[in-house]
């Protein structure tokens, strides 16, 4: 992992200091930062007092408060994966594979790990990535170039959720989330 984005308003809202947040982050995403960040016992105790975790003989258990903060109950990865085209037809015959059919495949598990590393603690980023994917797919279908879409792993690794973020502002979406009018700018 190269970077972590921390929403300080989230820390303030939950009355957490930075080291408590990083300790909790390490519990939510094991092995994401454990090689560079060492949890302090004071932070673990504080997280228990504040109701984020429960310390047991078998280890620390995340409580609803922590799960809610990191939106663990919502599996945005599955939403994203299910919206990603599995296979596209090539214009000269045949088809090309873009994403795994399930999150239980080897590729699906790799994508989930990358998703967690990219968006842990940033549910707004997850939702934005899902919206960007929806808009990109709609744009490509309308312009008849879905076959040129990149594979899911490349989309995630290459930051395509940021590259196509402009679609959110440029596309008119009705209340049902359906693209009403996508106009390409050819100038």
N, C-alpha and C. Protein backbone atom coordinates (compact mmCIF):
# COMPACT_ATOMS: atom_id res chain seq x y z
N UNK A 1 0.84 -1.16 0.00
CA UNK A 1 0.00 0.00 0.00
C UNK A 1 0.89 1.23 0.00
N UNK A 2 0.54 2.20 -0.82
CA UNK A 2 1.36 3.40 -0.95
C UNK A 2 0.85 4.57 -0.13
N UNK A 3 -0.47 4.63 0.12
CA UNK A 3 -1.01 5.78 0.83
C UNK A 3 -2.30 5.43 1.54
N UNK A 4 -2.63 6.24 2.54
CA UNK A 4 -3.88 6.13 3.27
C UNK A 4 -4.50 7.52 3.27
N UNK A 5 -5.79 7.59 2.98
CA UNK A 5 -6.51 8.84 3.05
C UNK A 5 -7.30 8.84 4.35
N UNK A 6 -7.10 9.86 5.17
CA UNK A 6 -7.78 9.92 6.46
C UNK A 6 -8.73 11.12 6.46
N UNK A 7 -9.98 10.84 6.73
CA UNK A 7 -11.01 11.87 6.83
C UNK A 7 -11.00 12.38 8.27
N UNK A 8 -10.41 13.56 8.49
CA UNK A 8 -10.27 14.07 9.86
C UNK A 8 -11.61 14.42 10.49
N UNK A 9 -12.60 14.75 9.66
CA UNK A 9 -13.93 15.01 10.23
C UNK A 9 -14.51 13.73 10.83
N UNK A 10 -14.16 12.59 10.25
CA UNK A 10 -14.57 11.29 10.79
C UNK A 10 -13.90 11.04 12.14
N UNK A 11 -12.65 11.39 12.26
CA UNK A 11 -11.95 11.25 13.54
C UNK A 11 -12.57 12.15 14.60
N UNK A 12 -12.83 13.38 14.21
CA UNK A 12 -13.42 14.34 15.14
C UNK A 12 -14.81 13.88 15.59
N UNK A 13 -15.61 13.43 14.64
CA UNK A 13 -16.97 12.97 14.93
C UNK A 13 -16.95 11.79 15.90
N UNK A 14 -15.98 10.89 15.76
CA UNK A 14 -15.90 9.70 16.60
C UNK A 14 -14.97 9.87 17.80
N UNK A 15 -14.45 11.08 17.99
CA UNK A 15 -13.58 11.41 19.12
C UNK A 15 -12.38 10.46 19.21
N UNK A 16 -11.71 10.30 18.06
CA UNK A 16 -10.52 9.46 17.98
C UNK A 16 -9.31 10.32 17.69
N UNK A 17 -8.17 9.95 18.29
CA UNK A 17 -6.94 10.61 17.88
C UNK A 17 -6.33 9.79 16.73
N UNK A 18 -5.30 10.30 16.13
CA UNK A 18 -4.72 9.66 14.95
C UNK A 18 -4.20 8.26 15.23
N UNK A 19 -3.52 8.07 16.35
CA UNK A 19 -2.98 6.73 16.65
C UNK A 19 -4.08 5.73 16.95
N UNK A 20 -5.19 6.18 17.56
CA UNK A 20 -6.33 5.28 17.79
C UNK A 20 -6.94 4.86 16.45
N UNK A 21 -7.08 5.84 15.55
CA UNK A 21 -7.64 5.53 14.23
C UNK A 21 -6.76 4.52 13.49
N UNK A 22 -5.45 4.75 13.51
CA UNK A 22 -4.54 3.83 12.82
C UNK A 22 -4.57 2.43 13.44
N UNK A 23 -4.71 2.37 14.75
CA UNK A 23 -4.82 1.07 15.42
C UNK A 23 -6.11 0.37 14.98
N UNK A 24 -7.20 1.10 14.93
CA UNK A 24 -8.46 0.53 14.48
C UNK A 24 -8.39 0.14 13.01
N UNK A 25 -7.77 0.98 12.21
CA UNK A 25 -7.57 0.71 10.78
C UNK A 25 -6.82 -0.61 10.60
N UNK A 26 -5.80 -0.82 11.42
CA UNK A 26 -5.01 -2.04 11.35
C UNK A 26 -5.85 -3.27 11.71
N UNK A 27 -6.82 -3.10 12.59
CA UNK A 27 -7.70 -4.21 12.94
C UNK A 27 -8.71 -4.50 11.84
N UNK A 28 -9.17 -3.44 11.18
CA UNK A 28 -10.15 -3.59 10.10
C UNK A 28 -9.49 -4.17 8.85
N UNK A 29 -8.29 -3.75 8.57
CA UNK A 29 -7.56 -4.22 7.39
C UNK A 29 -6.23 -4.82 7.83
N UNK A 30 -6.26 -6.07 8.28
CA UNK A 30 -5.02 -6.71 8.74
C UNK A 30 -3.97 -6.73 7.63
N UNK A 31 -2.76 -6.52 7.99
CA UNK A 31 -1.61 -6.54 7.09
C UNK A 31 -1.53 -5.34 6.14
N UNK A 32 -2.43 -4.39 6.26
CA UNK A 32 -2.36 -3.21 5.40
C UNK A 32 -1.25 -2.26 5.86
N UNK A 33 -1.18 -2.05 7.18
CA UNK A 33 -0.16 -1.13 7.70
C UNK A 33 0.66 -1.73 8.84
N UNK A 34 0.42 -2.99 9.15
CA UNK A 34 1.07 -3.60 10.32
C UNK A 34 2.60 -3.65 10.21
N UNK A 35 3.12 -3.60 9.01
CA UNK A 35 4.59 -3.63 8.84
C UNK A 35 5.23 -2.28 9.11
N UNK A 36 4.43 -1.22 9.06
CA UNK A 36 5.00 0.12 9.27
C UNK A 36 4.41 0.83 10.48
N UNK A 37 3.35 0.27 11.06
CA UNK A 37 2.71 0.89 12.21
C UNK A 37 2.56 -0.14 13.33
N UNK A 38 3.02 0.21 14.51
CA UNK A 38 2.92 -0.69 15.65
C UNK A 38 1.86 -0.15 16.60
N UNK A 39 0.85 -0.99 16.87
CA UNK A 39 -0.23 -0.60 17.77
C UNK A 39 0.29 -0.43 19.19
N UNK A 40 -0.22 0.59 19.87
CA UNK A 40 0.13 0.80 21.27
C UNK A 40 -1.00 0.25 22.14
N UNK A 41 -0.66 -0.37 23.24
CA UNK A 41 -1.64 -0.95 24.15
C UNK A 41 -2.60 0.12 24.67
N UNK A 42 -2.10 1.35 24.87
CA UNK A 42 -2.96 2.43 25.34
C UNK A 42 -4.09 2.72 24.35
N UNK A 43 -3.76 2.66 23.05
CA UNK A 43 -4.77 2.91 22.02
C UNK A 43 -5.79 1.79 21.97
N UNK A 44 -5.34 0.56 22.11
CA UNK A 44 -6.25 -0.59 22.12
C UNK A 44 -7.21 -0.47 23.31
N UNK A 45 -6.67 -0.16 24.49
CA UNK A 45 -7.51 0.03 25.68
C UNK A 45 -8.51 1.17 25.49
N UNK A 46 -8.04 2.27 24.91
CA UNK A 46 -8.90 3.42 24.66
C UNK A 46 -10.02 3.08 23.69
N UNK A 47 -9.71 2.30 22.65
CA UNK A 47 -10.73 1.89 21.68
C UNK A 47 -11.80 1.02 22.35
N UNK A 48 -11.37 0.21 23.33
CA UNK A 48 -12.35 -0.60 24.05
C UNK A 48 -13.23 0.31 24.93
N UNK A 49 -12.62 1.24 25.64
CA UNK A 49 -13.39 2.17 26.49
C UNK A 49 -14.38 3.00 25.67
N UNK A 50 -13.99 3.36 24.46
CA UNK A 50 -14.85 4.17 23.60
C UNK A 50 -15.89 3.34 22.84
N UNK A 51 -15.84 2.02 23.00
CA UNK A 51 -16.86 1.15 22.41
C UNK A 51 -16.62 0.71 20.98
N UNK A 52 -15.40 0.83 20.48
CA UNK A 52 -15.09 0.42 19.11
C UNK A 52 -14.71 -1.06 19.00
N UNK A 53 -14.09 -1.59 20.05
CA UNK A 53 -13.67 -2.99 20.04
C UNK A 53 -13.97 -3.63 21.39
N UNK A 54 -13.90 -4.96 21.41
CA UNK A 54 -13.99 -5.72 22.65
C UNK A 54 -12.74 -6.60 22.70
N UNK A 55 -12.00 -6.49 23.80
CA UNK A 55 -10.80 -7.29 23.97
C UNK A 55 -11.19 -8.62 24.61
N UNK A 56 -10.83 -9.72 23.95
CA UNK A 56 -11.14 -11.05 24.48
C UNK A 56 -9.86 -11.88 24.51
N UNK A 57 -9.95 -13.07 25.13
CA UNK A 57 -8.81 -13.98 25.17
C UNK A 57 -8.39 -14.39 23.75
N UNK A 58 -9.36 -14.50 22.84
CA UNK A 58 -9.07 -14.97 21.47
C UNK A 58 -8.65 -13.83 20.53
N UNK A 59 -8.69 -12.61 21.03
CA UNK A 59 -8.31 -11.48 20.19
C UNK A 59 -9.31 -10.35 20.30
N UNK A 60 -9.09 -9.32 19.51
CA UNK A 60 -9.97 -8.15 19.54
C UNK A 60 -11.11 -8.34 18.55
N UNK A 61 -12.30 -7.94 18.98
CA UNK A 61 -13.50 -8.07 18.15
C UNK A 61 -14.01 -6.68 17.85
N UNK A 62 -14.29 -6.42 16.58
CA UNK A 62 -14.85 -5.12 16.20
C UNK A 62 -16.30 -5.05 16.65
N UNK A 63 -16.67 -3.94 17.24
CA UNK A 63 -18.06 -3.72 17.64
C UNK A 63 -18.79 -2.98 16.53
N UNK A 64 -20.09 -2.87 16.69
CA UNK A 64 -20.94 -2.24 15.66
C UNK A 64 -20.48 -0.82 15.34
N UNK A 65 -20.02 -0.11 16.35
CA UNK A 65 -19.56 1.27 16.15
C UNK A 65 -18.41 1.34 15.14
N UNK A 66 -17.45 0.44 15.27
CA UNK A 66 -16.31 0.40 14.34
C UNK A 66 -16.76 -0.08 12.97
N UNK A 67 -17.61 -1.10 12.95
CA UNK A 67 -18.10 -1.61 11.67
C UNK A 67 -18.87 -0.53 10.93
N UNK A 68 -19.65 0.22 11.67
CA UNK A 68 -20.42 1.30 11.06
C UNK A 68 -19.48 2.38 10.49
N UNK A 69 -18.45 2.73 11.24
CA UNK A 69 -17.51 3.76 10.79
C UNK A 69 -16.81 3.36 9.50
N UNK A 70 -16.45 2.09 9.37
CA UNK A 70 -15.76 1.61 8.18
C UNK A 70 -16.73 0.98 7.18
N UNK A 71 -18.02 1.05 7.48
CA UNK A 71 -19.08 0.48 6.62
C UNK A 71 -18.79 -0.95 6.22
N UNK A 72 -18.44 -1.73 7.20
CA UNK A 72 -18.11 -3.13 6.95
C UNK A 72 -19.34 -3.94 6.56
N UNK A 73 -20.51 -3.56 7.05
CA UNK A 73 -21.71 -4.33 6.74
C UNK A 73 -22.12 -4.20 5.28
N UNK A 74 -21.75 -3.09 4.65
CA UNK A 74 -22.06 -2.91 3.24
C UNK A 74 -20.88 -3.42 2.42
N UNK A 75 -21.12 -4.36 1.55
CA UNK A 75 -20.04 -4.89 0.74
C UNK A 75 -20.01 -4.17 -0.60
N UNK A 76 -19.39 -2.99 -0.57
CA UNK A 76 -19.31 -2.18 -1.80
C UNK A 76 -18.48 -2.87 -2.88
N UNK A 77 -17.54 -3.70 -2.45
CA UNK A 77 -16.75 -4.42 -3.44
C UNK A 77 -17.65 -5.30 -4.31
N UNK A 78 -18.57 -6.03 -3.68
CA UNK A 78 -19.47 -6.89 -4.45
C UNK A 78 -20.37 -6.07 -5.38
N UNK A 79 -20.83 -4.94 -4.91
CA UNK A 79 -21.64 -4.06 -5.76
C UNK A 79 -20.83 -3.67 -6.99
N UNK A 80 -19.59 -3.23 -6.76
CA UNK A 80 -18.71 -2.83 -7.87
C UNK A 80 -18.44 -4.00 -8.82
N UNK A 81 -18.09 -5.16 -8.25
CA UNK A 81 -17.76 -6.32 -9.08
C UNK A 81 -18.95 -6.76 -9.92
N UNK A 82 -20.14 -6.72 -9.34
CA UNK A 82 -21.34 -7.13 -10.08
C UNK A 82 -21.72 -6.15 -11.18
N UNK A 83 -21.27 -4.91 -11.09
CA UNK A 83 -21.54 -3.93 -12.15
C UNK A 83 -20.48 -3.97 -13.25
N UNK A 84 -19.34 -4.58 -12.94
CA UNK A 84 -18.26 -4.63 -13.93
C UNK A 84 -18.59 -5.69 -14.97
N UNK A 85 -18.49 -5.37 -16.28
CA UNK A 85 -18.77 -6.37 -17.31
C UNK A 85 -17.82 -7.57 -17.17
N UNK A 86 -18.36 -8.77 -17.26
CA UNK A 86 -17.54 -9.98 -17.14
C UNK A 86 -16.80 -10.24 -18.44
N UNK A 87 -17.50 -10.07 -19.54
CA UNK A 87 -16.94 -10.36 -20.86
C UNK A 87 -17.54 -9.38 -21.86
N UNK A 88 -16.74 -8.98 -22.83
CA UNK A 88 -17.22 -8.09 -23.88
C UNK A 88 -16.94 -8.72 -25.24
N UNK A 89 -17.81 -8.44 -26.19
CA UNK A 89 -17.61 -8.93 -27.56
C UNK A 89 -16.62 -8.04 -28.26
N UNK A 90 -15.76 -8.65 -29.05
CA UNK A 90 -14.81 -7.90 -29.87
C UNK A 90 -15.44 -7.65 -31.23
N UNK A 91 -15.12 -6.54 -31.84
CA UNK A 91 -15.74 -6.17 -33.12
C UNK A 91 -15.37 -7.12 -34.25
N UNK A 92 -14.24 -7.80 -34.12
CA UNK A 92 -13.80 -8.72 -35.18
C UNK A 92 -14.05 -10.17 -34.80
N UNK A 93 -15.03 -10.39 -33.93
CA UNK A 93 -15.38 -11.75 -33.51
C UNK A 93 -14.70 -12.15 -32.22
N UNK A 94 -15.35 -13.05 -31.53
CA UNK A 94 -14.82 -13.52 -30.26
C UNK A 94 -15.18 -12.58 -29.11
N UNK A 95 -14.58 -12.84 -27.99
CA UNK A 95 -14.86 -12.00 -26.82
C UNK A 95 -13.59 -11.86 -25.98
N UNK A 96 -13.67 -10.94 -25.05
CA UNK A 96 -12.54 -10.68 -24.17
C UNK A 96 -13.03 -10.64 -22.74
N UNK A 97 -12.29 -11.29 -21.84
CA UNK A 97 -12.64 -11.37 -20.42
C UNK A 97 -12.20 -10.09 -19.71
N UNK A 98 -13.11 -9.49 -18.90
CA UNK A 98 -12.78 -8.27 -18.17
C UNK A 98 -12.72 -8.43 -16.65
N UNK A 99 -13.58 -9.30 -16.12
CA UNK A 99 -13.62 -9.44 -14.66
C UNK A 99 -14.06 -10.84 -14.28
N UNK A 100 -13.76 -11.24 -13.04
CA UNK A 100 -14.19 -12.57 -12.60
C UNK A 100 -15.71 -12.61 -12.42
N UNK A 101 -16.28 -13.78 -12.59
CA UNK A 101 -17.72 -13.94 -12.43
C UNK A 101 -18.11 -13.97 -10.96
N UNK A 102 -17.14 -14.17 -10.08
CA UNK A 102 -17.43 -14.29 -8.66
C UNK A 102 -16.27 -13.74 -7.84
N UNK A 103 -16.59 -13.31 -6.63
CA UNK A 103 -15.54 -12.86 -5.72
C UNK A 103 -14.83 -14.03 -5.06
N UNK A 104 -15.30 -15.25 -5.29
CA UNK A 104 -14.70 -16.45 -4.70
C UNK A 104 -13.60 -17.06 -5.57
N UNK A 105 -13.40 -16.53 -6.77
CA UNK A 105 -12.33 -17.02 -7.64
C UNK A 105 -10.99 -16.46 -7.17
N UNK A 106 -9.91 -16.99 -7.68
CA UNK A 106 -8.58 -16.49 -7.33
C UNK A 106 -8.47 -15.02 -7.69
N UNK A 107 -8.89 -14.67 -8.90
CA UNK A 107 -8.83 -13.28 -9.33
C UNK A 107 -9.76 -12.41 -8.49
N UNK A 108 -10.93 -12.93 -8.15
CA UNK A 108 -11.87 -12.19 -7.32
C UNK A 108 -11.29 -11.88 -5.95
N UNK A 109 -10.60 -12.83 -5.37
CA UNK A 109 -9.97 -12.62 -4.06
C UNK A 109 -8.85 -11.59 -4.13
N UNK A 110 -8.09 -11.61 -5.22
CA UNK A 110 -7.03 -10.61 -5.40
C UNK A 110 -7.63 -9.21 -5.54
N UNK A 111 -8.72 -9.13 -6.31
CA UNK A 111 -9.38 -7.83 -6.49
C UNK A 111 -9.95 -7.32 -5.17
N UNK A 112 -10.53 -8.20 -4.37
CA UNK A 112 -11.09 -7.79 -3.07
C UNK A 112 -9.98 -7.23 -2.17
N UNK A 113 -8.83 -7.89 -2.16
CA UNK A 113 -7.71 -7.44 -1.34
C UNK A 113 -7.26 -6.04 -1.79
N UNK A 114 -7.15 -5.85 -3.09
CA UNK A 114 -6.75 -4.54 -3.62
C UNK A 114 -7.80 -3.48 -3.29
N UNK A 115 -9.09 -3.84 -3.40
CA UNK A 115 -10.19 -2.93 -3.08
C UNK A 115 -10.08 -2.48 -1.62
N UNK A 116 -9.85 -3.45 -0.73
CA UNK A 116 -9.73 -3.12 0.70
C UNK A 116 -8.56 -2.19 0.95
N UNK A 117 -7.43 -2.47 0.32
CA UNK A 117 -6.25 -1.63 0.50
C UNK A 117 -6.48 -0.23 -0.04
N UNK A 118 -7.23 -0.13 -1.11
CA UNK A 118 -7.46 1.16 -1.75
C UNK A 118 -8.48 2.00 -0.99
N UNK A 119 -9.56 1.38 -0.50
CA UNK A 119 -10.67 2.15 0.03
C UNK A 119 -10.98 1.97 1.50
N UNK A 120 -10.20 1.22 2.25
CA UNK A 120 -10.54 1.00 3.66
C UNK A 120 -10.60 2.34 4.39
N UNK A 121 -11.65 2.52 5.15
CA UNK A 121 -11.84 3.78 5.88
C UNK A 121 -12.34 4.92 5.01
N UNK A 122 -12.68 4.63 3.76
CA UNK A 122 -13.13 5.66 2.84
C UNK A 122 -14.37 5.17 2.09
N UNK A 123 -15.50 5.02 2.79
CA UNK A 123 -16.71 4.54 2.13
C UNK A 123 -17.21 5.47 1.03
N UNK A 124 -16.94 6.77 1.18
CA UNK A 124 -17.34 7.72 0.13
C UNK A 124 -16.56 7.44 -1.15
N UNK A 125 -15.29 7.08 -1.00
CA UNK A 125 -14.48 6.71 -2.17
C UNK A 125 -15.00 5.46 -2.85
N UNK A 126 -15.46 4.50 -2.05
CA UNK A 126 -16.04 3.27 -2.62
C UNK A 126 -17.28 3.60 -3.43
N UNK A 127 -18.16 4.41 -2.86
CA UNK A 127 -19.40 4.77 -3.56
C UNK A 127 -19.11 5.57 -4.82
N UNK A 128 -18.12 6.44 -4.75
CA UNK A 128 -17.74 7.22 -5.93
C UNK A 128 -17.19 6.30 -7.03
N UNK A 129 -16.38 5.31 -6.65
CA UNK A 129 -15.82 4.37 -7.63
C UNK A 129 -16.94 3.58 -8.31
N UNK A 130 -17.94 3.19 -7.55
CA UNK A 130 -19.08 2.46 -8.12
C UNK A 130 -19.82 3.35 -9.11
N UNK A 131 -20.06 4.60 -8.74
CA UNK A 131 -20.77 5.53 -9.62
C UNK A 131 -19.96 5.80 -10.89
N UNK A 132 -18.65 5.97 -10.73
CA UNK A 132 -17.79 6.22 -11.90
C UNK A 132 -17.85 5.01 -12.84
N UNK A 133 -17.80 3.80 -12.29
CA UNK A 133 -17.88 2.60 -13.13
C UNK A 133 -19.21 2.57 -13.88
N UNK A 134 -20.30 2.81 -13.19
CA UNK A 134 -21.62 2.82 -13.85
C UNK A 134 -21.65 3.80 -15.02
N UNK A 135 -21.12 4.99 -14.78
CA UNK A 135 -21.14 6.02 -15.82
C UNK A 135 -20.21 5.68 -16.98
N UNK A 136 -19.05 5.10 -16.67
CA UNK A 136 -18.14 4.72 -17.74
C UNK A 136 -18.76 3.63 -18.62
N UNK A 137 -19.37 2.63 -17.99
CA UNK A 137 -20.00 1.55 -18.75
C UNK A 137 -21.12 2.12 -19.63
N UNK A 138 -21.95 3.00 -19.06
CA UNK A 138 -23.04 3.61 -19.83
C UNK A 138 -22.50 4.42 -21.00
N UNK A 139 -21.43 5.17 -20.77
CA UNK A 139 -20.82 5.98 -21.83
C UNK A 139 -20.28 5.08 -22.94
N UNK A 140 -19.61 4.01 -22.54
CA UNK A 140 -19.02 3.11 -23.53
C UNK A 140 -20.09 2.36 -24.32
N UNK A 141 -21.17 1.98 -23.68
CA UNK A 141 -22.26 1.32 -24.39
C UNK A 141 -22.86 2.27 -25.41
N UNK A 142 -23.09 3.52 -24.98
CA UNK A 142 -23.69 4.50 -25.88
C UNK A 142 -22.78 4.81 -27.06
N UNK A 143 -21.46 4.86 -26.83
CA UNK A 143 -20.54 5.18 -27.91
C UNK A 143 -20.03 3.93 -28.63
N UNK A 144 -20.56 2.77 -28.25
CA UNK A 144 -20.26 1.49 -28.89
C UNK A 144 -18.77 1.13 -28.82
N UNK A 145 -18.13 1.42 -27.68
CA UNK A 145 -16.73 1.02 -27.53
C UNK A 145 -16.47 0.29 -26.21
N UNK A 146 -17.46 -0.47 -25.77
CA UNK A 146 -17.30 -1.24 -24.54
C UNK A 146 -16.16 -2.25 -24.66
N UNK A 147 -15.89 -2.70 -25.89
CA UNK A 147 -14.82 -3.69 -26.07
C UNK A 147 -13.44 -3.14 -25.69
N UNK A 148 -13.30 -1.82 -25.61
CA UNK A 148 -12.01 -1.23 -25.27
C UNK A 148 -11.84 -0.94 -23.78
N UNK A 149 -12.82 -1.33 -22.99
CA UNK A 149 -12.73 -1.13 -21.54
C UNK A 149 -11.62 -2.01 -20.99
N UNK A 150 -10.92 -1.52 -19.97
CA UNK A 150 -9.80 -2.27 -19.38
C UNK A 150 -10.34 -3.34 -18.42
N UNK A 151 -9.48 -4.32 -18.12
CA UNK A 151 -9.84 -5.38 -17.19
C UNK A 151 -10.03 -4.78 -15.80
N UNK A 152 -10.83 -5.45 -14.97
CA UNK A 152 -11.15 -4.95 -13.63
C UNK A 152 -9.90 -4.71 -12.80
N UNK A 153 -8.93 -5.61 -12.88
CA UNK A 153 -7.71 -5.44 -12.08
C UNK A 153 -6.95 -4.19 -12.52
N UNK A 154 -6.90 -3.96 -13.81
CA UNK A 154 -6.21 -2.77 -14.32
C UNK A 154 -6.98 -1.50 -13.95
N UNK A 155 -8.32 -1.58 -13.98
CA UNK A 155 -9.17 -0.45 -13.64
C UNK A 155 -8.89 -0.01 -12.20
N UNK A 156 -8.78 -0.98 -11.32
CA UNK A 156 -8.54 -0.69 -9.90
C UNK A 156 -7.09 -0.26 -9.66
N UNK A 157 -6.14 -1.02 -10.19
CA UNK A 157 -4.72 -0.72 -9.99
C UNK A 157 -4.31 0.60 -10.64
N UNK A 158 -4.90 0.89 -11.78
CA UNK A 158 -4.54 2.10 -12.53
C UNK A 158 -5.28 3.34 -12.10
N UNK A 159 -6.16 3.23 -11.12
CA UNK A 159 -6.89 4.40 -10.64
C UNK A 159 -7.89 4.96 -11.62
N UNK A 160 -8.52 4.09 -12.40
CA UNK A 160 -9.50 4.55 -13.39
C UNK A 160 -10.71 5.20 -12.72
N UNK A 161 -10.94 4.88 -11.44
CA UNK A 161 -12.01 5.53 -10.69
C UNK A 161 -11.72 7.01 -10.52
N UNK A 162 -10.46 7.41 -10.62
CA UNK A 162 -10.09 8.82 -10.58
C UNK A 162 -10.02 9.40 -12.00
N UNK A 163 -9.53 8.60 -12.95
CA UNK A 163 -9.38 9.09 -14.32
C UNK A 163 -10.73 9.45 -14.94
N UNK A 164 -11.78 8.68 -14.60
CA UNK A 164 -13.10 8.92 -15.18
C UNK A 164 -14.03 9.64 -14.22
N UNK A 165 -13.50 10.21 -13.16
CA UNK A 165 -14.29 10.92 -12.17
C UNK A 165 -15.04 12.10 -12.78
N UNK A 166 -14.50 12.66 -13.84
CA UNK A 166 -15.13 13.80 -14.50
C UNK A 166 -16.52 13.44 -15.03
N UNK A 167 -16.79 12.16 -15.24
CA UNK A 167 -18.10 11.74 -15.74
C UNK A 167 -19.22 12.08 -14.77
N UNK A 168 -18.89 12.12 -13.49
CA UNK A 168 -19.91 12.44 -12.49
C UNK A 168 -20.45 13.85 -12.72
N UNK A 169 -19.56 14.80 -12.99
CA UNK A 169 -19.99 16.17 -13.22
C UNK A 169 -20.58 16.37 -14.62
N UNK A 170 -20.05 15.65 -15.61
CA UNK A 170 -20.46 15.88 -16.99
C UNK A 170 -21.72 15.14 -17.41
N UNK A 171 -22.14 14.18 -16.63
CA UNK A 171 -23.27 13.36 -17.02
C UNK A 171 -24.51 13.74 -16.23
N UNK A 172 -25.60 13.90 -16.94
CA UNK A 172 -26.87 14.14 -16.27
C UNK A 172 -27.48 12.80 -15.91
N UNK A 173 -27.74 12.61 -14.62
CA UNK A 173 -28.32 11.36 -14.16
C UNK A 173 -29.67 11.67 -13.55
N UNK A 174 -30.69 10.90 -13.97
CA UNK A 174 -32.01 11.15 -13.40
C UNK A 174 -32.13 10.53 -12.02
N UNK A 175 -33.27 10.67 -11.37
CA UNK A 175 -33.45 10.22 -9.99
C UNK A 175 -33.33 8.71 -9.84
N UNK A 176 -33.49 7.96 -10.91
CA UNK A 176 -33.36 6.50 -10.85
C UNK A 176 -31.92 6.06 -11.10
N UNK A 177 -31.01 7.01 -11.32
CA UNK A 177 -29.62 6.67 -11.55
C UNK A 177 -29.31 6.25 -12.97
N UNK A 178 -30.23 6.52 -13.90
CA UNK A 178 -30.04 6.14 -15.30
C UNK A 178 -29.50 7.34 -16.07
N UNK A 179 -28.53 7.10 -16.90
CA UNK A 179 -27.95 8.18 -17.68
C UNK A 179 -28.99 8.67 -18.68
N UNK A 180 -29.32 9.97 -18.58
CA UNK A 180 -30.32 10.54 -19.48
C UNK A 180 -29.71 11.02 -20.78
N UNK A 181 -28.60 11.75 -20.64
CA UNK A 181 -28.07 12.40 -21.83
C UNK A 181 -26.57 12.58 -21.68
N UNK A 182 -25.83 11.68 -22.29
CA UNK A 182 -24.38 11.82 -22.27
C UNK A 182 -23.95 12.41 -23.60
N UNK A 183 -23.32 13.55 -23.55
CA UNK A 183 -22.84 14.22 -24.75
C UNK A 183 -21.32 14.20 -24.74
N UNK A 184 -20.72 13.68 -25.77
CA UNK A 184 -19.27 13.71 -25.86
C UNK A 184 -18.82 15.05 -26.41
N UNK A 185 -17.73 15.55 -25.89
CA UNK A 185 -17.16 16.81 -26.35
C UNK A 185 -16.05 16.50 -27.34
N UNK A 186 -16.31 16.73 -28.60
CA UNK A 186 -15.35 16.40 -29.66
C UNK A 186 -14.49 17.59 -30.05
N UNK A 187 -14.66 18.72 -29.36
CA UNK A 187 -13.88 19.90 -29.75
C UNK A 187 -12.48 19.87 -29.23
